[in-house]
PDB file of N, CA and C in Angstrom:
ATOM      1  N   MET A   1      20.112   6.704  18.044  1.00  0.00           N
ATOM      2  CA  MET A   1      21.260   6.403  17.228  1.00  0.00           C
ATOM      3  C   MET A   1      20.997   5.099  16.484  1.00  0.00           C
ATOM      4  N   GLY A   2      21.400   5.050  15.234  1.00  0.00           N
ATOM      5  CA  GLY A   2      21.191   3.866  14.410  1.00  0.00           C
ATOM      6  C   GLY A   2      22.093   2.722  14.803  1.00  0.00           C
ATOM      7  N   ARG A   3      21.734   1.566  14.377  1.00  0.00           N
ATOM      8  CA  ARG A   3      22.513   0.366  14.638  1.00  0.00           C
ATOM      9  C   ARG A   3      23.368   0.074  13.416  1.00  0.00           C
ATOM     10  N   TYR A   4      24.629  -0.184  13.614  1.00  0.00           N
ATOM     11  CA  TYR A   4      25.528  -0.461  12.511  1.00  0.00           C
ATOM     12  C   TYR A   4      25.810  -1.948  12.419  1.00  0.00           C
ATOM     13  N   LEU A   5      25.849  -2.444  11.196  1.00  0.00           N
ATOM     14  CA  LEU A   5      26.205  -3.830  10.943  1.00  0.00           C
ATOM     15  C   LEU A   5      27.611  -3.861  10.366  1.00  0.00           C
ATOM     16  N   LYS A   6      28.395  -4.843  10.753  1.00  0.00           N
ATOM     17  CA  LYS A   6      29.760  -4.899  10.269  1.00  0.00           C
ATOM     18  C   LYS A   6      30.158  -6.345  10.018  1.00  0.00           C
ATOM     19  N   LYS A   7      30.830  -6.565   8.916  1.00  0.00           N
ATOM     20  CA  LYS A   7      31.354  -7.893   8.565  1.00  0.00           C
ATOM     21  C   LYS A   7      32.742  -7.703   7.994  1.00  0.00           C
ATOM     22  N   THR A   8      33.561  -8.678   8.160  1.00  0.00           N
ATOM     23  CA  THR A   8      34.868  -8.664   7.507  1.00  0.00           C
ATOM     24  C   THR A   8      34.927  -9.837   6.544  1.00  0.00           C
ATOM     25  N   ALA A   9      35.749  -9.690   5.532  1.00  0.00           N
ATOM     26  CA  ALA A   9      35.869 -10.739   4.519  1.00  0.00           C
ATOM     27  C   ALA A   9      37.324 -10.816   4.060  1.00  0.00           C
ATOM     28  N   PRO A  10      37.762 -12.001   3.659  1.00  0.00           N
ATOM     29  CA  PRO A  10      39.163 -12.183   3.256  1.00  0.00           C
ATOM     30  C   PRO A  10      39.504 -11.612   1.881  1.00  0.00           C
ATOM     31  N   SER A  11      38.491 -11.333   1.045  1.00  0.00           N
ATOM     32  CA  SER A  11      38.774 -10.831  -0.298  1.00  0.00           C
ATOM     33  C   SER A  11      37.710  -9.815  -0.707  1.00  0.00           C
ATOM     34  N   LEU A  12      38.021  -9.059  -1.740  1.00  0.00           N
ATOM     35  CA  LEU A  12      37.058  -8.081  -2.252  1.00  0.00           C
ATOM     36  C   LEU A  12      35.805  -8.783  -2.770  1.00  0.00           C
ATOM     37  N   LYS A  13      35.991  -9.897  -3.456  1.00  0.00           N
ATOM     38  CA  LYS A  13      34.849 -10.652  -3.990  1.00  0.00           C
ATOM     39  C   LYS A  13      33.926 -11.100  -2.856  1.00  0.00           C
ATOM     40  N   GLN A  14      34.519 -11.657  -1.805  1.00  0.00           N
ATOM     41  CA  GLN A  14      33.720 -12.117  -0.664  1.00  0.00           C
ATOM     42  C   GLN A  14      33.101 -10.928   0.069  1.00  0.00           C
ATOM     43  N   ALA A  15      33.808  -9.798   0.116  1.00  0.00           N
ATOM     44  CA  ALA A  15      33.273  -8.595   0.761  1.00  0.00           C
ATOM     45  C   ALA A  15      32.013  -8.107   0.040  1.00  0.00           C
ATOM     46  N   LYS A  16      32.013  -8.186  -1.289  1.00  0.00           N
ATOM     47  CA  LYS A  16      30.831  -7.786  -2.057  1.00  0.00           C
ATOM     48  C   LYS A  16      29.656  -8.705  -1.759  1.00  0.00           C
ATOM     49  N   VAL A  17      29.937  -9.991  -1.616  1.00  0.00           N
ATOM     50  CA  VAL A  17      28.887 -10.960  -1.270  1.00  0.00           C
ATOM     51  C   VAL A  17      28.313 -10.620   0.103  1.00  0.00           C
ATOM     52  N   GLU A  18      29.194 -10.355   1.061  1.00  0.00           N
ATOM     53  CA  GLU A  18      28.745 -10.021   2.415  1.00  0.00           C
ATOM     54  C   GLU A  18      27.962  -8.714   2.432  1.00  0.00           C
ATOM     55  N   LEU A  19      28.412  -7.734   1.641  1.00  0.00           N
ATOM     56  CA  LEU A  19      27.691  -6.461   1.558  1.00  0.00           C
ATOM     57  C   LEU A  19      26.274  -6.669   1.054  1.00  0.00           C
ATOM     58  N   THR A  20      26.125  -7.492   0.034  1.00  0.00           N
ATOM     59  CA  THR A  20      24.795  -7.794  -0.505  1.00  0.00           C
ATOM     60  C   THR A  20      23.916  -8.438   0.561  1.00  0.00           C
ATOM     61  N   LYS A  21      24.485  -9.359   1.323  1.00  0.00           N
ATOM     62  CA  LYS A  21      23.731 -10.018   2.397  1.00  0.00           C
ATOM     63  C   LYS A  21      23.302  -9.003   3.465  1.00  0.00           C
ATOM     64  N   LEU A  22      24.219  -8.111   3.826  1.00  0.00           N
ATOM     65  CA  LEU A  22      23.895  -7.098   4.835  1.00  0.00           C
ATOM     66  C   LEU A  22      22.807  -6.149   4.342  1.00  0.00           C
ATOM     67  N   GLN A  23      22.900  -5.742   3.088  1.00  0.00           N
ATOM     68  CA  GLN A  23      21.881  -4.852   2.532  1.00  0.00           C
ATOM     69  C   GLN A  23      20.525  -5.532   2.515  1.00  0.00           C
ATOM     70  N   LYS A  24      20.491  -6.802   2.177  1.00  0.00           N
ATOM     71  CA  LYS A  24      19.230  -7.557   2.176  1.00  0.00           C
ATOM     72  C   LYS A  24      18.672  -7.643   3.599  1.00  0.00           C
ATOM     73  N   SER A  25      19.553  -7.887   4.548  1.00  0.00           N
ATOM     74  CA  SER A  25      19.134  -7.980   5.944  1.00  0.00           C
ATOM     75  C   SER A  25      18.515  -6.667   6.422  1.00  0.00           C
ATOM     76  N   VAL A  26      19.149  -5.551   6.086  1.00  0.00           N
ATOM     77  CA  VAL A  26      18.622  -4.236   6.469  1.00  0.00           C
ATOM     78  C   VAL A  26      17.272  -4.003   5.800  1.00  0.00           C
ATOM     79  N   ASP A  27      17.183  -4.312   4.511  1.00  0.00           N
ATOM     80  CA  ASP A  27      15.937  -4.113   3.776  1.00  0.00           C
ATOM     81  C   ASP A  27      14.808  -4.953   4.368  1.00  0.00           C
ATOM     82  N   GLU A  28      15.087  -6.180   4.737  1.00  0.00           N
ATOM     83  CA  GLU A  28      14.043  -7.035   5.310  1.00  0.00           C
ATOM     84  C   GLU A  28      13.595  -6.547   6.677  1.00  0.00           C
ATOM     85  N   ARG A  29      14.463  -5.883   7.398  1.00  0.00           N
ATOM     86  CA  ARG A  29      14.041  -5.303   8.676  1.00  0.00           C
ATOM     87  C   ARG A  29      13.141  -4.104   8.453  1.00  0.00           C
ATOM     88  N   ARG A  30      13.410  -3.354   7.380  1.00  0.00           N
ATOM     89  CA  ARG A  30      12.551  -2.210   7.061  1.00  0.00           C
ATOM     90  C   ARG A  30      11.216  -2.678   6.502  1.00  0.00           C
ATOM     91  N   HIS A  31      11.250  -3.735   5.721  1.00  0.00           N
ATOM     92  CA  HIS A  31      10.063  -4.274   5.061  1.00  0.00           C
ATOM     93  C   HIS A  31       9.988  -5.768   5.347  1.00  0.00           C
ATOM     94  N   PRO A  32       9.648  -6.138   6.582  1.00  0.00           N
ATOM     95  CA  PRO A  32       9.679  -7.545   6.932  1.00  0.00           C
ATOM     96  C   PRO A  32       8.701  -8.376   6.106  1.00  0.00           C
ATOM     97  N   ARG A  33       9.140  -9.563   5.764  1.00  0.00           N
ATOM     98  CA  ARG A  33       8.285 -10.493   5.039  1.00  0.00           C
ATOM     99  C   ARG A  33       7.340 -11.132   6.051  1.00  0.00           C
ATOM    100  N   SER A  34       6.086 -11.148   5.731  1.00  0.00           N
ATOM    101  CA  SER A  34       5.121 -11.798   6.606  1.00  0.00           C
ATOM    102  C   SER A  34       4.003 -12.367   5.755  1.00  0.00           C
ATOM    103  N   ALA A  35       3.157 -13.111   6.367  1.00  0.00           N
ATOM    104  CA  ALA A  35       2.051 -13.746   5.655  1.00  0.00           C
ATOM    105  C   ALA A  35       0.808 -12.860   5.626  1.00  0.00           C
ATOM    106  N   ILE A  36       0.909 -11.641   6.121  1.00  0.00           N
ATOM    107  CA  ILE A  36      -0.251 -10.755   6.162  1.00  0.00           C
ATOM    108  C   ILE A  36      -0.740 -10.479   4.732  1.00  0.00           C
ATOM    109  N   THR A  37      -2.054 -10.469   4.572  1.00  0.00           N
ATOM    110  CA  THR A  37      -2.631 -10.206   3.249  1.00  0.00           C
ATOM    111  C   THR A  37      -2.911  -8.717   3.080  1.00  0.00           C
ATOM    112  N   VAL A  38      -3.191  -8.327   1.858  1.00  0.00           N
ATOM    113  CA  VAL A  38      -3.534  -6.933   1.577  1.00  0.00           C
ATOM    114  C   VAL A  38      -4.758  -6.529   2.398  1.00  0.00           C
ATOM    115  N   SER A  39      -5.774  -7.379   2.433  1.00  0.00           N
ATOM    116  CA  SER A  39      -6.987  -7.057   3.211  1.00  0.00           C
ATOM    117  C   SER A  39      -6.674  -6.867   4.691  1.00  0.00           C
ATOM    118  N   GLN A  40      -5.836  -7.724   5.248  1.00  0.00           N
ATOM    119  CA  GLN A  40      -5.476  -7.597   6.660  1.00  0.00           C
ATOM    120  C   GLN A  40      -4.713  -6.297   6.916  1.00  0.00           C
ATOM    121  N   ALA A  41      -3.818  -5.950   6.012  1.00  0.00           N
ATOM    122  CA  ALA A  41      -3.055  -4.707   6.163  1.00  0.00           C
ATOM    123  C   ALA A  41      -3.974  -3.496   6.097  1.00  0.00           C
ATOM    124  N   ILE A  42      -4.933  -3.548   5.182  1.00  0.00           N
ATOM    125  CA  ILE A  42      -5.879  -2.431   5.068  1.00  0.00           C
ATOM    126  C   ILE A  42      -6.727  -2.326   6.332  1.00  0.00           C
ATOM    127  N   GLU A  43      -7.177  -3.458   6.867  1.00  0.00           N
ATOM    128  CA  GLU A  43      -7.962  -3.435   8.105  1.00  0.00           C
ATOM    129  C   GLU A  43      -7.157  -2.802   9.236  1.00  0.00           C
ATOM    130  N   GLN A  44      -5.883  -3.178   9.343  1.00  0.00           N
ATOM    131  CA  GLN A  44      -5.028  -2.607  10.384  1.00  0.00           C
ATOM    132  C   GLN A  44      -4.861  -1.103  10.174  1.00  0.00           C
ATOM    133  N   TRP A  45      -4.676  -0.697   8.916  1.00  0.00           N
ATOM    134  CA  TRP A  45      -4.523   0.723   8.618  1.00  0.00           C
ATOM    135  C   TRP A  45      -5.783   1.488   8.997  1.00  0.00           C
ATOM    136  N   LEU A  46      -6.956   0.943   8.656  1.00  0.00           N
ATOM    137  CA  LEU A  46      -8.211   1.612   8.985  1.00  0.00           C
ATOM    138  C   LEU A  46      -8.401   1.752  10.495  1.00  0.00           C
ATOM    139  N   GLU A  47      -7.886   0.785  11.259  1.00  0.00           N
ATOM    140  CA  GLU A  47      -8.012   0.842  12.714  1.00  0.00           C
ATOM    141  C   GLU A  47      -7.204   1.979  13.332  1.00  0.00           C
ATOM    142  N   VAL A  48      -6.095   2.352  12.702  1.00  0.00           N
ATOM    143  CA  VAL A  48      -5.217   3.351  13.307  1.00  0.00           C
ATOM    144  C   VAL A  48      -5.296   4.727  12.660  1.00  0.00           C
ATOM    145  N   THR A  49      -6.138   4.872  11.641  1.00  0.00           N
ATOM    146  CA  THR A  49      -6.278   6.177  10.997  1.00  0.00           C
ATOM    147  C   THR A  49      -7.632   6.777  11.337  1.00  0.00           C
ATOM    148  N   SER A  50      -7.695   8.087  11.238  1.00  0.00           N
ATOM    149  CA  SER A  50      -8.988   8.738  11.461  1.00  0.00           C
ATOM    150  C   SER A  50      -9.316   9.580  10.237  1.00  0.00           C
ATOM    151  N   HIS A  51     -10.559   9.473   9.809  1.00  0.00           N
ATOM    152  CA  HIS A  51     -11.046  10.192   8.639  1.00  0.00           C
ATOM    153  C   HIS A  51     -12.444  10.719   8.947  1.00  0.00           C
ATOM    154  N   GLU A  52     -12.840  11.702   8.184  1.00  0.00           N
ATOM    155  CA  GLU A  52     -14.235  12.132   8.252  1.00  0.00           C
ATOM    156  C   GLU A  52     -15.100  10.926   7.892  1.00  0.00           C
ATOM    157  N   ALA A  53     -16.311  10.891   8.399  1.00  0.00           N
ATOM    158  CA  ALA A  53     -17.199   9.747   8.171  1.00  0.00           C
ATOM    159  C   ALA A  53     -17.390   9.476   6.683  1.00  0.00           C
ATOM    160  N   SER A  54     -17.587  10.530   5.901  1.00  0.00           N
ATOM    161  CA  SER A  54     -17.826  10.333   4.466  1.00  0.00           C
ATOM    162  C   SER A  54     -16.584   9.782   3.757  1.00  0.00           C
ATOM    163  N   THR A  55     -15.408  10.230   4.194  1.00  0.00           N
ATOM    164  CA  THR A  55     -14.165   9.738   3.594  1.00  0.00           C
ATOM    165  C   THR A  55     -13.980   8.268   3.930  1.00  0.00           C
ATOM    166  N   ARG A  56     -14.227   7.916   5.172  1.00  0.00           N
ATOM    167  CA  ARG A  56     -14.076   6.524   5.596  1.00  0.00           C
ATOM    168  C   ARG A  56     -15.050   5.625   4.829  1.00  0.00           C
ATOM    169  N   GLU A  57     -16.295   6.078   4.691  1.00  0.00           N
ATOM    170  CA  GLU A  57     -17.280   5.301   3.935  1.00  0.00           C
ATOM    171  C   GLU A  57     -16.820   5.089   2.497  1.00  0.00           C
ATOM    172  N   ARG A  58     -16.280   6.133   1.890  1.00  0.00           N
ATOM    173  CA  ARG A  58     -15.803   6.029   0.507  1.00  0.00           C
ATOM    174  C   ARG A  58     -14.622   5.066   0.415  1.00  0.00           C
ATOM    175  N   TYR A  59     -13.672   5.177   1.351  1.00  0.00           N
ATOM    176  CA  TYR A  59     -12.545   4.246   1.362  1.00  0.00           C
ATOM    177  C   TYR A  59     -13.035   2.810   1.491  1.00  0.00           C
ATOM    178  N   GLU A  60     -13.940   2.574   2.420  1.00  0.00           N
ATOM    179  CA  GLU A  60     -14.456   1.216   2.622  1.00  0.00           C
ATOM    180  C   GLU A  60     -15.165   0.713   1.374  1.00  0.00           C
ATOM    181  N   GLN A  61     -15.889   1.592   0.693  1.00  0.00           N
ATOM    182  CA  GLN A  61     -16.566   1.212  -0.546  1.00  0.00           C
ATOM    183  C   GLN A  61     -15.538   0.834  -1.623  1.00  0.00           C
ATOM    184  N   LEU A  62     -14.524   1.658  -1.802  1.00  0.00           N
ATOM    185  CA  LEU A  62     -13.493   1.379  -2.807  1.00  0.00           C
ATOM    186  C   LEU A  62     -12.742   0.082  -2.494  1.00  0.00           C
ATOM    187  N   ILE A  63     -12.464  -0.130  -1.230  1.00  0.00           N
ATOM    188  CA  ILE A  63     -11.786  -1.360  -0.807  1.00  0.00           C
ATOM    189  C   ILE A  63     -12.661  -2.560  -1.118  1.00  0.00           C
ATOM    190  N   ARG A  64     -13.931  -2.488  -0.749  1.00  0.00           N
ATOM    191  CA  ARG A  64     -14.865  -3.606  -0.956  1.00  0.00           C
ATOM    192  C   ARG A  64     -15.066  -3.905  -2.445  1.00  0.00           C
ATOM    193  N   LEU A  65     -15.190  -2.857  -3.259  1.00  0.00           N
ATOM    194  CA  LEU A  65     -15.503  -3.051  -4.676  1.00  0.00           C
ATOM    195  C   LEU A  65     -14.292  -3.371  -5.546  1.00  0.00           C
ATOM    196  N   TYR A  66     -13.150  -2.760  -5.236  1.00  0.00           N
ATOM    197  CA  TYR A  66     -12.021  -2.860  -6.160  1.00  0.00           C
ATOM    198  C   TYR A  66     -10.787  -3.567  -5.608  1.00  0.00           C
ATOM    199  N   ILE A  67     -10.455  -3.321  -4.364  1.00  0.00           N
ATOM    200  CA  ILE A  67      -9.216  -3.872  -3.831  1.00  0.00           C
ATOM    201  C   ILE A  67      -9.408  -5.293  -3.319  1.00  0.00           C
ATOM    202  N   ALA A  68     -10.380  -5.495  -2.456  1.00  0.00           N
ATOM    203  CA  ALA A  68     -10.582  -6.822  -1.858  1.00  0.00           C
ATOM    204  C   ALA A  68     -10.797  -7.930  -2.889  1.00  0.00           C
ATOM    205  N   PRO A  69     -11.629  -7.722  -3.909  1.00  0.00           N
ATOM    206  CA  PRO A  69     -11.841  -8.825  -4.866  1.00  0.00           C
ATOM    207  C   PRO A  69     -10.590  -9.203  -5.671  1.00  0.00           C
ATOM    208  N   THR A  70      -9.741  -8.233  -5.968  1.00  0.00           N
ATOM    209  CA  THR A  70      -8.590  -8.531  -6.822  1.00  0.00           C
ATOM    210  C   THR A  70      -7.304  -8.767  -6.051  1.00  0.00           C
ATOM    211  N   LEU A  71      -7.110  -8.063  -4.941  1.00  0.00           N
ATOM    212  CA  LEU A  71      -5.836  -8.146  -4.221  1.00  0.00           C
ATOM    213  C   LEU A  71      -5.966  -8.564  -2.763  1.00  0.00           C
ATOM    214  N   GLY A  72      -7.165  -8.667  -2.269  1.00  0.00           N
ATOM    215  CA  GLY A  72      -7.381  -8.904  -0.846  1.00  0.00           C
ATOM    216  C   GLY A  72      -6.670 -10.098  -0.258  1.00  0.00           C
ATOM    217  N   LYS A  73      -6.605 -11.200  -1.002  1.00  0.00           N
ATOM    218  CA  LYS A  73      -5.991 -12.423  -0.474  1.00  0.00           C
ATOM    219  C   LYS A  73      -4.510 -12.557  -0.798  1.00  0.00           C
ATOM    220  N   VAL A  74      -3.970 -11.582  -1.518  1.00  0.00           N
ATOM    221  CA  VAL A  74      -2.559 -11.611  -1.890  1.00  0.00           C
ATOM    222  C   VAL A  74      -1.711 -11.224  -0.680  1.00  0.00           C
ATOM    223  N   GLN A  75      -0.603 -11.941  -0.477  1.00  0.00           N
ATOM    224  CA  GLN A  75       0.304 -11.575   0.606  1.00  0.00           C
ATOM    225  C   GLN A  75       0.893 -10.195   0.309  1.00  0.00           C
ATOM    226  N   LEU A  76       0.881  -9.348   1.300  1.00  0.00           N
ATOM    227  CA  LEU A  76       1.372  -7.987   1.130  1.00  0.00           C
ATOM    228  C   LEU A  76       2.820  -7.981   0.662  1.00  0.00           C
ATOM    229  N   ALA A  77       3.621  -8.903   1.148  1.00  0.00           N
ATOM    230  CA  ALA A  77       5.032  -8.958   0.766  1.00  0.00           C
ATOM    231  C   ALA A  77       5.216  -9.244  -0.722  1.00  0.00           C
ATOM    232  N   ARG A  78       4.194  -9.774  -1.379  1.00  0.00           N
ATOM    233  CA  ARG A  78       4.295 -10.106  -2.799  1.00  0.00           C
ATOM    234  C   ARG A  78       3.801  -8.982  -3.720  1.00  0.00           C
ATOM    235  N   VAL A  79       3.261  -7.939  -3.135  1.00  0.00           N
ATOM    236  CA  VAL A  79       2.697  -6.856  -3.932  1.00  0.00           C
ATOM    237  C   VAL A  79       3.815  -5.932  -4.418  1.00  0.00           C
ATOM    238  N   GLU A  80       3.798  -5.678  -5.702  1.00  0.00           N
ATOM    239  CA  GLU A  80       4.751  -4.755  -6.319  1.00  0.00           C
ATOM    240  C   GLU A  80       3.951  -3.741  -7.128  1.00  0.00           C
ATOM    241  N   ALA A  81       4.606  -2.716  -7.613  1.00  0.00           N
ATOM    242  CA  ALA A  81       3.922  -1.661  -8.368  1.00  0.00           C
ATOM    243  C   ALA A  81       3.135  -2.238  -9.535  1.00  0.00           C
ATOM    244  N   GLU A  82       3.719  -3.186 -10.250  1.00  0.00           N
ATOM    245  CA  GLU A  82       3.033  -3.776 -11.405  1.00  0.00           C
ATOM    246  C   GLU A  82       1.764  -4.505 -10.979  1.00  0.00           C
ATOM    247  N   THR A  83       1.808  -5.155  -9.827  1.00  0.00           N
ATOM    248  CA  THR A  83       0.628  -5.856  -9.305  1.00  0.00           C
ATOM    249  C   THR A  83      -0.504  -4.865  -9.072  1.00  0.00           C
ATOM    250  N   LEU A  84      -0.164  -3.692  -8.561  1.00  0.00           N
ATOM    251  CA  LEU A  84      -1.177  -2.677  -8.277  1.00  0.00           C
ATOM    252  C   LEU A  84      -1.698  -2.015  -9.538  1.00  0.00           C
ATOM    253  N   GLU A  85      -0.842  -1.839 -10.520  1.00  0.00           N
ATOM    254  CA  GLU A  85      -1.245  -1.152 -11.742  1.00  0.00           C
ATOM    255  C   GLU A  85      -2.110  -2.011 -12.650  1.00  0.00           C
ATOM    256  N   SER A  86      -1.909  -3.304 -12.681  1.00  0.00           N
ATOM    257  CA  SER A  86      -2.635  -4.178 -13.610  1.00  0.00           C
ATOM    258  C   SER A  86      -4.154  -4.049 -13.505  1.00  0.00           C
ATOM    259  N   PRO A  87      -4.749  -4.180 -12.318  1.00  0.00           N
ATOM    260  CA  PRO A  87      -6.208  -4.042 -12.241  1.00  0.00           C
ATOM    261  C   PRO A  87      -6.680  -2.638 -12.605  1.00  0.00           C
ATOM    262  N   VAL A  88      -5.901  -1.629 -12.266  1.00  0.00           N
ATOM    263  CA  VAL A  88      -6.297  -0.260 -12.573  1.00  0.00           C
ATOM    264  C   VAL A  88      -6.265  -0.037 -14.079  1.00  0.00           C
ATOM    265  N   ARG A  89      -5.232  -0.523 -14.737  1.00  0.00           N
ATOM    266  CA  ARG A  89      -5.125  -0.368 -16.191  1.00  0.00           C
ATOM    267  C   ARG A  89      -6.252  -1.115 -16.912  1.00  0.00           C
ATOM    268  N   ALA A  90      -6.677  -2.235 -16.353  1.00  0.00           N
ATOM    269  CA  ALA A  90      -7.731  -3.026 -16.985  1.00  0.00           C
ATOM    270  C   ALA A  90      -9.113  -2.443 -16.744  1.00  0.00           C
ATOM    271  N   ALA A  91      -9.215  -1.546 -15.768  1.00  0.00           N
ATOM    272  CA  ALA A  91     -10.516  -0.981 -15.419  1.00  0.00           C
ATOM    273  C   ALA A  91     -10.984   0.023 -16.465  1.00  0.00           C
ATOM    274  N   ASP A  92     -12.244   0.263 -16.451  1.00  0.00           N
ATOM    275  CA  ASP A  92     -12.868   1.263 -17.313  1.00  0.00           C
ATOM    276  C   ASP A  92     -12.337   2.650 -16.923  1.00  0.00           C
ATOM    277  N   PRO A  93     -11.851   3.442 -17.893  1.00  0.00           N
ATOM    278  CA  PRO A  93     -11.320   4.784 -17.576  1.00  0.00           C
ATOM    279  C   PRO A  93     -12.311   5.667 -16.834  1.00  0.00           C
ATOM    280  N   LEU A  94     -13.605   5.520 -17.120  1.00  0.00           N
ATOM    281  CA  LEU A  94     -14.608   6.305 -16.413  1.00  0.00           C
ATOM    282  C   LEU A  94     -14.614   5.938 -14.929  1.00  0.00           C
ATOM    283  N   LYS A  95     -14.500   4.641 -14.633  1.00  0.00           N
ATOM    284  CA  LYS A  95     -14.450   4.211 -13.236  1.00  0.00           C
ATOM    285  C   LYS A  95     -13.209   4.777 -12.550  1.00  0.00           C
ATOM    286  N   ILE A  96     -12.101   4.785 -13.266  1.00  0.00           N
ATOM    287  CA  ILE A  96     -10.864   5.289 -12.685  1.00  0.00           C
ATOM    288  C   ILE A  96     -11.029   6.755 -12.307  1.00  0.00           C
ATOM    289  N   ARG A  97     -11.599   7.555 -13.203  1.00  0.00           N
ATOM    290  CA  ARG A  97     -11.812   8.973 -12.894  1.00  0.00           C
ATOM    291  C   ARG A  97     -12.785   9.131 -11.721  1.00  0.00           C
ATOM    292  N   THR A  98     -13.839   8.317 -11.705  1.00  0.00           N
ATOM    293  CA  THR A  98     -14.825   8.368 -10.633  1.00  0.00           C
ATOM    294  C   THR A  98     -14.201   8.038  -9.289  1.00  0.00           C
ATOM    295  N   MET A  99     -13.240   7.102  -9.308  1.00  0.00           N
ATOM    296  CA  MET A  99     -12.572   6.704  -8.067  1.00  0.00           C
ATOM    297  C   MET A  99     -11.579   7.751  -7.607  1.00  0.00           C
ATOM    298  N   GLY A 100     -11.253   8.706  -8.476  1.00  0.00           N
ATOM    299  CA  GLY A 100     -10.283   9.734  -8.094  1.00  0.00           C
ATOM    300  C   GLY A 100      -8.860   9.272  -8.292  1.00  0.00           C
ATOM    301  N   LEU A 101      -8.647   8.280  -9.144  1.00  0.00           N
ATOM    302  CA  LEU A 101      -7.305   7.767  -9.399  1.00  0.00           C
ATOM    303  C   LEU A 101      -6.809   8.250 -10.743  1.00  0.00           C
ATOM    304  N   SER A 102      -5.528   8.188 -10.919  1.00  0.00           N
ATOM    305  CA  SER A 102      -4.963   8.478 -12.226  1.00  0.00           C
ATOM    306  C   SER A 102      -3.995   7.371 -12.583  1.00  0.00           C
ATOM    307  N   VAL A 103      -3.838   7.114 -13.839  1.00  0.00           N
ATOM    308  CA  VAL A 103      -2.942   6.064 -14.302  1.00  0.00           C
ATOM    309  C   VAL A 103      -1.912   6.683 -15.211  1.00  0.00           C
ATOM    310  N   CYS A 104      -0.652   6.461 -14.897  1.00  0.00           N
ATOM    311  CA  CYS A 104       0.427   6.963 -15.756  1.00  0.00           C
ATOM    312  C   CYS A 104       0.572   6.023 -16.945  1.00  0.00           C
ATOM    313  N   GLN A 105       0.600   6.575 -18.118  1.00  0.00           N
ATOM    314  CA  GLN A 105       0.751   5.759 -19.327  1.00  0.00           C
ATOM    315  C   GLN A 105       2.180   5.801 -19.787  1.00  0.00           C
TER     316      GLN A 105
END
């Protein structure tokens, strides 16, 4: 069963403020802010996933060549869709196809 949060407020204006705070609190529990970097998150993911040897080798190659140099030291909590798209958009289209990625224009 889920956990419910409840607040009371003396006015509608204050209730809206409290609602915003509660929504932020719930969101941060779902997506906690931490100092973990993209590289650290990827390492943790690789530890708990299983892939065929060739797939794992390819993932590690792509991470080493493309992700780690551009995003590896970035805090994961700071990564947004635009952050991820920028390096891909700047890359050579041939490389993008070779990597098996697609870019929405």
